[in-house]
């Protein structure tokens, strides 16, 4: 099980942060931070990313 982001593709638009139902994502200057203790590996963030920078595998 994994959550992965390709930092080079990430636009830091915050779309994923705004839809996370468990508030596991945080937008920082360096990119998106995922709190793996909160993340349930639902694919919502992956679906809303406009550039396909997020990949969720269960």
Protein backbone atom coordinates (compact mmCIF):
# COMPACT_ATOMS: atom_id res chain seq x y z
CA UNK A 1 0.00 0.00 0.00
CA UNK A 2 1.45 3.34 -1.02
CA UNK A 3 0.76 6.98 -1.75
CA UNK A 4 3.21 8.60 -4.11
CA UNK A 5 3.60 12.03 -5.65
CA UNK A 6 5.86 13.00 -8.52
CA UNK A 7 7.21 16.31 -7.25
CA UNK A 8 8.40 17.39 -10.70
CA UNK A 9 4.84 17.21 -12.04
CA UNK A 10 3.08 18.73 -9.02
CA UNK A 11 1.74 22.24 -9.68
CA UNK A 12 1.13 22.90 -5.98
CA UNK A 13 -2.42 23.92 -6.92
CA UNK A 14 -3.92 22.45 -3.74
CA UNK A 15 -6.74 20.58 -5.49
CA UNK A 16 -5.82 17.36 -3.68
CA UNK A 17 -5.60 19.11 -0.31
CA UNK A 18 -9.07 20.61 -0.66
CA UNK A 19 -10.77 17.25 -1.33
CA UNK A 20 -9.00 15.01 1.20
CA UNK A 21 -11.76 13.66 3.46
CA UNK A 22 -9.39 12.90 6.36
CA UNK A 23 -7.25 16.06 6.10
CA UNK A 24 -4.09 14.02 5.50
CA UNK A 25 -2.60 16.38 2.91
CA UNK A 26 -0.87 19.68 3.50
CA UNK A 27 0.35 22.19 0.93
CA UNK A 28 3.85 23.48 1.63
CA UNK A 29 6.32 25.54 -0.37
CA UNK A 30 8.30 22.38 -1.04
CA UNK A 31 5.20 20.50 -2.26
CA UNK A 32 2.44 18.29 -0.89
CA UNK A 33 2.98 16.50 2.41
CA UNK A 34 0.98 13.37 3.18
CA UNK A 35 0.40 12.33 6.79
CA UNK A 36 0.47 8.55 6.34
CA UNK A 37 -1.03 8.11 9.82
CA UNK A 38 -4.23 9.79 8.65
CA UNK A 39 -4.28 8.73 4.98
CA UNK A 40 -6.75 5.93 4.19
CA UNK A 41 -5.45 5.50 0.62
CA UNK A 42 -8.75 6.48 -0.93
CA UNK A 43 -8.11 7.61 -4.53
CA UNK A 44 -9.86 10.99 -4.33
CA UNK A 45 -6.65 13.05 -4.45
CA UNK A 46 -5.39 11.01 -7.39
CA UNK A 47 -8.61 11.64 -9.33
CA UNK A 48 -8.60 15.43 -8.89
CA UNK A 49 -4.93 16.05 -9.68
CA UNK A 50 -4.98 17.94 -12.99
CA UNK A 51 -1.53 16.68 -14.04
CA UNK A 52 -1.61 13.11 -12.72
CA UNK A 53 1.15 13.71 -10.18
CA UNK A 54 -0.42 11.49 -7.49
CA UNK A 55 -0.57 7.72 -7.49
CA UNK A 56 -2.40 5.66 -4.88
CA UNK A 57 -1.95 1.90 -4.66
CA UNK A 58 -3.77 -0.37 -2.26
